[in-house]
N, C-alpha and C. Protein backbone atom coordinates (compact mmCIF):
# COMPACT_ATOMS: atom_id res chain seq x y z
N MET A 1 104.83 97.78 126.94
CA MET A 1 105.08 98.99 126.18
C MET A 1 105.65 98.65 124.82
N PRO A 2 105.03 99.12 123.76
CA PRO A 2 105.44 98.68 122.42
C PRO A 2 106.79 99.25 121.96
N ALA A 3 107.14 100.46 122.35
CA ALA A 3 108.40 101.06 121.89
C ALA A 3 108.64 102.30 122.77
N PRO A 4 109.91 102.72 122.90
CA PRO A 4 110.21 103.89 123.72
C PRO A 4 109.39 105.09 123.29
N GLY A 5 108.78 105.77 124.28
CA GLY A 5 108.00 106.96 124.00
C GLY A 5 106.56 106.67 123.65
N TRP A 6 106.19 105.39 123.50
CA TRP A 6 104.81 105.00 123.16
C TRP A 6 104.32 104.03 124.23
N SER A 7 103.06 104.03 124.47
CA SER A 7 102.45 103.04 125.36
C SER A 7 101.08 102.66 124.79
N THR A 8 100.57 101.55 125.28
CA THR A 8 99.25 101.12 124.85
C THR A 8 98.33 101.03 126.07
N ARG A 9 97.07 101.13 125.76
CA ARG A 9 96.04 100.95 126.76
C ARG A 9 94.77 100.46 126.10
N PRO A 10 93.90 99.85 126.89
CA PRO A 10 92.60 99.44 126.31
C PRO A 10 91.80 100.66 125.90
N ALA A 11 91.05 100.53 124.84
CA ALA A 11 90.19 101.63 124.41
C ALA A 11 89.04 101.81 125.42
N ARG A 12 88.52 103.03 125.42
CA ARG A 12 87.39 103.37 126.24
C ARG A 12 86.29 103.90 125.29
N PRO A 13 85.03 103.80 125.67
CA PRO A 13 83.96 104.28 124.82
C PRO A 13 84.17 105.74 124.39
N GLY A 14 84.72 106.57 125.24
CA GLY A 14 84.98 107.97 124.91
C GLY A 14 86.05 108.21 123.89
N ASP A 15 86.79 107.17 123.50
CA ASP A 15 87.82 107.28 122.48
C ASP A 15 87.28 107.31 121.04
N VAL A 16 86.00 107.04 120.88
CA VAL A 16 85.46 106.83 119.55
C VAL A 16 85.73 108.03 118.58
N ASP A 17 85.55 109.24 119.07
CA ASP A 17 85.76 110.38 118.16
C ASP A 17 87.22 110.56 117.78
N ALA A 18 88.11 110.42 118.77
CA ALA A 18 89.54 110.57 118.47
C ALA A 18 90.01 109.47 117.52
N LEU A 19 89.51 108.27 117.68
CA LEU A 19 89.91 107.16 116.81
C LEU A 19 89.28 107.27 115.42
N ALA A 20 88.07 107.80 115.33
CA ALA A 20 87.49 108.04 114.00
C ALA A 20 88.28 109.11 113.28
N ASP A 21 88.71 110.15 113.98
CA ASP A 21 89.56 111.18 113.37
C ASP A 21 90.90 110.57 112.92
N LEU A 22 91.47 109.69 113.77
CA LEU A 22 92.69 109.03 113.44
C LEU A 22 92.56 108.25 112.13
N LYS A 23 91.44 107.51 111.99
CA LYS A 23 91.20 106.76 110.77
C LYS A 23 91.24 107.66 109.55
N LEU A 24 90.51 108.75 109.62
CA LEU A 24 90.45 109.66 108.48
C LEU A 24 91.82 110.26 108.15
N HIS A 25 92.56 110.60 109.17
CA HIS A 25 93.90 111.15 109.01
C HIS A 25 94.84 110.09 108.40
N ALA A 26 94.84 108.89 108.97
CA ALA A 26 95.79 107.87 108.54
C ALA A 26 95.50 107.28 107.18
N LEU A 27 94.23 107.24 106.78
CA LEU A 27 93.85 106.55 105.57
C LEU A 27 93.49 107.44 104.39
N ARG A 28 93.50 108.73 104.63
CA ARG A 28 92.99 109.64 103.58
C ARG A 28 93.66 109.41 102.22
N ASP A 29 94.97 109.36 102.18
CA ASP A 29 95.67 109.19 100.87
C ASP A 29 95.25 107.88 100.20
N ASP A 30 95.19 106.78 100.96
CA ASP A 30 94.82 105.50 100.39
C ASP A 30 93.36 105.49 99.95
N LEU A 31 92.49 106.10 100.77
CA LEU A 31 91.08 106.12 100.40
C LEU A 31 90.84 106.98 99.15
N GLU A 32 91.57 108.10 99.07
CA GLU A 32 91.44 108.93 97.87
C GLU A 32 91.93 108.17 96.64
N ARG A 33 93.10 107.52 96.75
CA ARG A 33 93.65 106.75 95.63
C ARG A 33 92.71 105.68 95.16
N ALA A 34 91.99 105.04 96.12
CA ALA A 34 91.06 103.97 95.79
C ALA A 34 89.73 104.48 95.31
N GLY A 35 89.57 105.81 95.41
CA GLY A 35 88.29 106.42 94.95
C GLY A 35 87.13 106.21 95.93
N VAL A 36 87.45 105.96 97.19
CA VAL A 36 86.45 105.73 98.20
C VAL A 36 86.55 106.69 99.39
N TRP A 37 87.10 107.87 99.13
CA TRP A 37 87.21 108.89 100.20
C TRP A 37 85.86 109.56 100.34
N ARG A 38 85.14 109.14 101.35
CA ARG A 38 83.88 109.75 101.72
C ARG A 38 83.88 109.94 103.24
N PRO A 39 84.43 111.05 103.73
CA PRO A 39 84.67 111.23 105.15
C PRO A 39 83.50 110.89 106.05
N SER A 40 82.32 111.34 105.72
CA SER A 40 81.17 111.06 106.61
C SER A 40 80.85 109.55 106.66
N TYR A 41 80.93 108.91 105.50
CA TYR A 41 80.70 107.45 105.48
C TYR A 41 81.85 106.74 106.20
N ASN A 42 83.12 107.12 105.91
CA ASN A 42 84.27 106.48 106.53
C ASN A 42 84.22 106.59 108.06
N ARG A 43 83.83 107.77 108.55
CA ARG A 43 83.69 107.99 109.99
C ARG A 43 82.56 107.13 110.57
N ALA A 44 81.42 107.17 109.90
CA ALA A 44 80.24 106.42 110.42
C ALA A 44 80.54 104.93 110.44
N ARG A 45 81.29 104.42 109.46
CA ARG A 45 81.66 102.99 109.46
C ARG A 45 82.48 102.67 110.68
N PHE A 46 83.47 103.51 110.97
CA PHE A 46 84.31 103.28 112.16
C PHE A 46 83.46 103.30 113.41
N VAL A 47 82.63 104.29 113.58
CA VAL A 47 81.80 104.43 114.76
C VAL A 47 80.90 103.19 114.92
N ARG A 48 80.35 102.72 113.83
CA ARG A 48 79.45 101.54 113.85
C ARG A 48 80.21 100.28 114.27
N GLU A 49 81.47 100.14 113.83
CA GLU A 49 82.23 98.93 114.08
C GLU A 49 83.10 99.00 115.36
N PHE A 50 83.19 100.14 115.98
CA PHE A 50 84.08 100.33 117.14
C PHE A 50 83.58 99.51 118.37
N VAL A 51 84.45 98.64 118.84
CA VAL A 51 84.16 97.86 120.03
C VAL A 51 85.35 98.14 120.98
N PRO A 52 85.13 98.96 122.02
CA PRO A 52 86.24 99.30 122.93
C PRO A 52 86.96 98.10 123.51
N SER A 53 86.22 97.04 123.86
CA SER A 53 86.85 95.87 124.49
C SER A 53 87.75 95.10 123.55
N GLU A 54 87.63 95.33 122.22
CA GLU A 54 88.48 94.65 121.24
C GLU A 54 89.62 95.53 120.76
N THR A 55 89.68 96.78 121.23
CA THR A 55 90.60 97.75 120.66
C THR A 55 91.71 98.16 121.63
N THR A 56 92.92 98.21 121.08
CA THR A 56 94.06 98.73 121.80
C THR A 56 94.39 100.10 121.23
N VAL A 57 94.65 101.05 122.12
CA VAL A 57 94.99 102.42 121.72
C VAL A 57 96.45 102.66 121.98
N VAL A 58 97.16 103.33 121.08
CA VAL A 58 98.54 103.70 121.24
C VAL A 58 98.58 105.18 121.54
N VAL A 59 99.33 105.53 122.58
CA VAL A 59 99.47 106.94 122.96
C VAL A 59 100.94 107.28 123.00
N ASP A 60 101.26 108.58 122.73
CA ASP A 60 102.64 109.01 122.81
C ASP A 60 102.95 109.47 124.24
N ALA A 61 104.15 109.97 124.45
CA ALA A 61 104.61 110.34 125.79
C ALA A 61 103.73 111.45 126.39
N GLU A 62 103.08 112.27 125.54
CA GLU A 62 102.20 113.34 126.03
C GLU A 62 100.77 112.88 126.19
N GLY A 63 100.50 111.59 125.94
CA GLY A 63 99.14 111.06 126.07
C GLY A 63 98.26 111.25 124.86
N ARG A 64 98.81 111.71 123.75
CA ARG A 64 98.01 111.87 122.51
C ARG A 64 97.82 110.52 121.80
N VAL A 65 96.63 110.31 121.32
CA VAL A 65 96.35 109.06 120.56
C VAL A 65 97.05 109.14 119.23
N VAL A 66 97.89 108.12 118.97
CA VAL A 66 98.62 108.06 117.71
C VAL A 66 98.39 106.80 116.94
N GLY A 67 97.62 105.87 117.52
CA GLY A 67 97.38 104.62 116.83
C GLY A 67 96.34 103.77 117.51
N CYS A 68 95.90 102.73 116.75
CA CYS A 68 94.98 101.78 117.35
C CYS A 68 95.00 100.48 116.52
N LEU A 69 94.47 99.44 117.13
CA LEU A 69 94.33 98.13 116.46
C LEU A 69 93.26 97.37 117.19
N ALA A 70 92.31 96.80 116.46
CA ALA A 70 91.23 96.00 117.03
C ALA A 70 91.42 94.54 116.62
N VAL A 71 91.06 93.65 117.55
CA VAL A 71 91.13 92.22 117.33
C VAL A 71 89.73 91.69 117.54
N HIS A 72 89.14 91.10 116.50
CA HIS A 72 87.76 90.71 116.49
C HIS A 72 87.58 89.24 116.12
N PRO A 73 87.37 88.36 117.08
CA PRO A 73 87.13 86.95 116.78
C PRO A 73 85.78 86.79 116.11
N GLU A 74 85.73 86.03 115.02
CA GLU A 74 84.46 85.81 114.33
C GLU A 74 84.55 84.47 113.59
N GLY A 75 83.69 83.57 113.94
CA GLY A 75 83.72 82.25 113.33
C GLY A 75 85.02 81.54 113.69
N GLY A 76 85.65 80.97 112.70
CA GLY A 76 86.93 80.26 112.93
C GLY A 76 88.17 81.04 112.76
N THR A 77 88.03 82.37 112.64
CA THR A 77 89.19 83.23 112.46
C THR A 77 89.12 84.42 113.41
N THR A 78 90.21 85.15 113.51
CA THR A 78 90.22 86.40 114.21
C THR A 78 90.58 87.47 113.23
N TRP A 79 89.77 88.51 113.16
CA TRP A 79 90.00 89.62 112.27
C TRP A 79 90.80 90.71 112.94
N LEU A 80 91.86 91.17 112.27
CA LEU A 80 92.54 92.38 112.69
C LEU A 80 91.83 93.53 111.99
N ARG A 81 91.37 94.51 112.74
CA ARG A 81 90.61 95.61 112.14
C ARG A 81 91.11 96.93 112.68
N HIS A 82 90.80 97.96 111.99
CA HIS A 82 91.05 99.31 112.45
C HIS A 82 92.49 99.51 112.96
N PHE A 83 93.46 99.18 112.09
CA PHE A 83 94.85 99.38 112.43
C PHE A 83 95.27 100.66 111.75
N TYR A 84 95.47 101.70 112.56
CA TYR A 84 95.85 103.04 112.07
C TYR A 84 96.95 103.59 112.92
N LEU A 85 97.91 104.22 112.25
CA LEU A 85 98.99 104.95 112.93
C LEU A 85 99.12 106.31 112.30
N ARG A 86 99.32 107.30 113.12
CA ARG A 86 99.64 108.65 112.61
C ARG A 86 101.03 108.56 111.94
N GLU A 87 101.26 109.45 111.02
CA GLU A 87 102.52 109.44 110.27
C GLU A 87 103.75 109.43 111.18
N GLU A 88 103.70 110.23 112.24
CA GLU A 88 104.89 110.33 113.11
C GLU A 88 105.17 109.04 113.90
N ALA A 89 104.22 108.14 113.91
CA ALA A 89 104.41 106.85 114.60
C ALA A 89 104.82 105.72 113.67
N ARG A 90 104.87 106.03 112.38
CA ARG A 90 105.20 104.99 111.40
C ARG A 90 106.71 104.88 111.20
N GLY A 91 107.12 103.71 110.75
CA GLY A 91 108.54 103.48 110.42
C GLY A 91 109.43 103.32 111.63
N ARG A 92 108.88 103.04 112.78
CA ARG A 92 109.67 102.91 114.01
C ARG A 92 109.53 101.52 114.64
N GLY A 93 108.89 100.61 113.94
CA GLY A 93 108.67 99.27 114.47
C GLY A 93 107.43 99.12 115.32
N LEU A 94 106.74 100.18 115.52
CA LEU A 94 105.54 100.18 116.37
C LEU A 94 104.46 99.30 115.75
N GLY A 95 104.19 99.46 114.45
CA GLY A 95 103.16 98.66 113.80
C GLY A 95 103.49 97.20 113.80
N THR A 96 104.74 96.86 113.59
CA THR A 96 105.18 95.47 113.63
C THR A 96 104.92 94.86 115.02
N ARG A 97 105.28 95.62 116.04
CA ARG A 97 105.04 95.14 117.41
C ARG A 97 103.57 94.98 117.72
N LEU A 98 102.76 95.94 117.34
CA LEU A 98 101.32 95.83 117.61
C LEU A 98 100.71 94.61 116.95
N VAL A 99 101.01 94.41 115.67
CA VAL A 99 100.44 93.29 114.95
C VAL A 99 100.99 91.98 115.52
N THR A 100 102.27 91.91 115.78
CA THR A 100 102.90 90.70 116.28
C THR A 100 102.30 90.32 117.66
N GLU A 101 102.12 91.30 118.53
CA GLU A 101 101.53 91.02 119.86
C GLU A 101 100.08 90.59 119.72
N ALA A 102 99.36 91.24 118.82
CA ALA A 102 97.94 90.84 118.62
C ALA A 102 97.85 89.41 118.12
N VAL A 103 98.69 89.04 117.14
CA VAL A 103 98.66 87.71 116.57
C VAL A 103 99.06 86.68 117.65
N ALA A 104 100.01 87.01 118.50
CA ALA A 104 100.45 86.10 119.55
C ALA A 104 99.34 85.74 120.53
N ALA A 105 98.40 86.60 120.68
CA ALA A 105 97.30 86.41 121.65
C ALA A 105 96.08 85.70 121.02
N VAL A 106 96.11 85.47 119.71
CA VAL A 106 94.98 84.85 119.02
C VAL A 106 94.90 83.38 119.34
N THR A 107 93.65 82.88 119.50
CA THR A 107 93.44 81.46 119.79
C THR A 107 92.77 80.72 118.63
N THR A 108 92.42 81.42 117.57
CA THR A 108 91.82 80.79 116.40
C THR A 108 92.93 80.29 115.48
N PRO A 109 92.65 79.40 114.56
CA PRO A 109 93.69 78.85 113.69
C PRO A 109 94.20 79.82 112.62
N THR A 110 93.44 80.88 112.33
CA THR A 110 93.88 81.86 111.35
C THR A 110 93.60 83.28 111.84
N VAL A 111 94.30 84.19 111.21
CA VAL A 111 94.08 85.63 111.43
C VAL A 111 93.80 86.20 110.04
N THR A 112 92.76 87.02 109.93
CA THR A 112 92.31 87.55 108.67
C THR A 112 92.24 89.08 108.79
N LEU A 113 92.48 89.76 107.68
CA LEU A 113 92.35 91.24 107.67
C LEU A 113 92.03 91.67 106.26
N ASP A 114 91.51 92.86 106.16
CA ASP A 114 91.37 93.49 104.86
C ASP A 114 92.13 94.79 104.86
N VAL A 115 92.75 95.04 103.74
CA VAL A 115 93.61 96.22 103.56
C VAL A 115 93.28 96.82 102.22
N LEU A 116 93.34 98.14 102.18
CA LEU A 116 93.15 98.80 100.88
C LEU A 116 94.21 98.34 99.92
N THR A 117 93.83 97.83 98.75
CA THR A 117 94.78 97.31 97.78
C THR A 117 95.82 98.37 97.43
N GLY A 118 97.08 97.99 97.54
CA GLY A 118 98.17 98.88 97.22
C GLY A 118 98.62 99.78 98.38
N SER A 119 98.03 99.62 99.52
CA SER A 119 98.40 100.39 100.70
C SER A 119 99.81 100.03 101.15
N ARG A 120 100.53 100.99 101.70
CA ARG A 120 101.91 100.72 102.21
C ARG A 120 101.92 99.63 103.27
N VAL A 121 100.91 99.52 104.07
CA VAL A 121 100.89 98.55 105.18
C VAL A 121 100.82 97.10 104.66
N GLU A 122 100.43 96.93 103.43
CA GLU A 122 100.40 95.58 102.86
C GLU A 122 101.76 94.92 102.92
N THR A 123 102.83 95.72 102.80
CA THR A 123 104.19 95.20 102.89
C THR A 123 104.47 94.62 104.27
N LEU A 124 104.01 95.33 105.31
CA LEU A 124 104.16 94.85 106.68
C LEU A 124 103.47 93.48 106.84
N TYR A 125 102.23 93.42 106.38
CA TYR A 125 101.48 92.18 106.56
C TYR A 125 102.17 91.03 105.81
N ARG A 126 102.67 91.27 104.64
CA ARG A 126 103.35 90.20 103.89
C ARG A 126 104.60 89.77 104.63
N ARG A 127 105.36 90.73 105.16
CA ARG A 127 106.57 90.39 105.90
C ARG A 127 106.25 89.55 107.14
N LEU A 128 105.08 89.73 107.73
CA LEU A 128 104.68 88.94 108.89
C LEU A 128 104.03 87.61 108.55
N GLY A 129 103.94 87.32 107.25
CA GLY A 129 103.44 86.01 106.80
C GLY A 129 102.00 85.98 106.29
N PHE A 130 101.36 87.10 106.25
CA PHE A 130 100.01 87.15 105.69
C PHE A 130 100.08 86.96 104.19
N VAL A 131 99.11 86.22 103.63
CA VAL A 131 99.07 86.04 102.17
C VAL A 131 97.71 86.49 101.67
N PRO A 132 97.66 87.09 100.46
CA PRO A 132 96.38 87.48 99.90
C PRO A 132 95.51 86.27 99.57
N VAL A 133 94.21 86.41 99.87
CA VAL A 133 93.29 85.35 99.49
C VAL A 133 92.20 85.84 98.55
N SER A 134 92.03 87.15 98.46
CA SER A 134 91.10 87.71 97.48
C SER A 134 91.39 89.22 97.34
N ASP A 135 90.99 89.74 96.20
CA ASP A 135 91.22 91.18 95.92
C ASP A 135 90.13 91.62 94.97
N ASP A 136 89.33 92.62 95.38
CA ASP A 136 88.26 93.11 94.54
C ASP A 136 88.62 94.43 93.84
N GLY A 137 89.90 94.77 93.91
CA GLY A 137 90.38 96.03 93.30
C GLY A 137 90.37 97.20 94.27
N VAL A 138 89.63 97.09 95.35
CA VAL A 138 89.65 98.13 96.41
C VAL A 138 90.25 97.55 97.65
N ASP A 139 89.77 96.40 98.08
CA ASP A 139 90.26 95.75 99.29
C ASP A 139 90.92 94.41 98.94
N THR A 140 92.01 94.13 99.64
CA THR A 140 92.62 92.85 99.59
C THR A 140 92.43 92.14 100.91
N ILE A 141 91.90 90.94 100.86
CA ILE A 141 91.73 90.13 102.06
C ILE A 141 93.00 89.30 102.19
N MET A 142 93.62 89.36 103.39
CA MET A 142 94.85 88.62 103.64
C MET A 142 94.63 87.71 104.86
N ARG A 143 95.34 86.59 104.87
CA ARG A 143 95.19 85.63 105.95
C ARG A 143 96.53 85.10 106.39
N LEU A 144 96.63 84.84 107.67
CA LEU A 144 97.79 84.21 108.26
C LEU A 144 97.32 82.89 108.87
N ASP A 145 97.94 81.80 108.46
CA ASP A 145 97.61 80.50 109.02
C ASP A 145 98.54 80.21 110.19
N LEU A 146 97.95 80.07 111.36
CA LEU A 146 98.73 79.88 112.59
C LEU A 146 99.00 78.38 112.85
N ARG A 147 98.46 77.53 112.01
CA ARG A 147 98.65 76.07 112.22
C ARG A 147 99.94 75.56 111.68
N ARG A 148 100.70 76.40 111.01
CA ARG A 148 101.98 75.96 110.44
C ARG A 148 103.01 75.78 111.51
């Protein structure tokens, strides 16, 4: 259990719509700021990339979906993808625990992620040791070297 009042479970195929909605809710401000708010495209991208076996879902005490995080091994790294939390789940240490637990289970030498440049969550990633490796003005690619 990640934090009092919250629990995690593996994603199921039927979670796709709720998680796509979560993405749109959680990222709207950042996507608008970056000039890439296109709800139908943003939803379709999530649906296309959603892999239930790679995704952890966070639910509150009433069973409502409030967050998710996917872990996707690819090549010599593991990608953290689709990390979204509803506003009411932020600022309580839940995100730190989710990312920390995901990283602890990784078997590749690095963990990589992309984040919308200037997003609030970038601070969390930096605090956990991720460093920027590229930035195209919209997305920042960050990496954590686990060999240290």
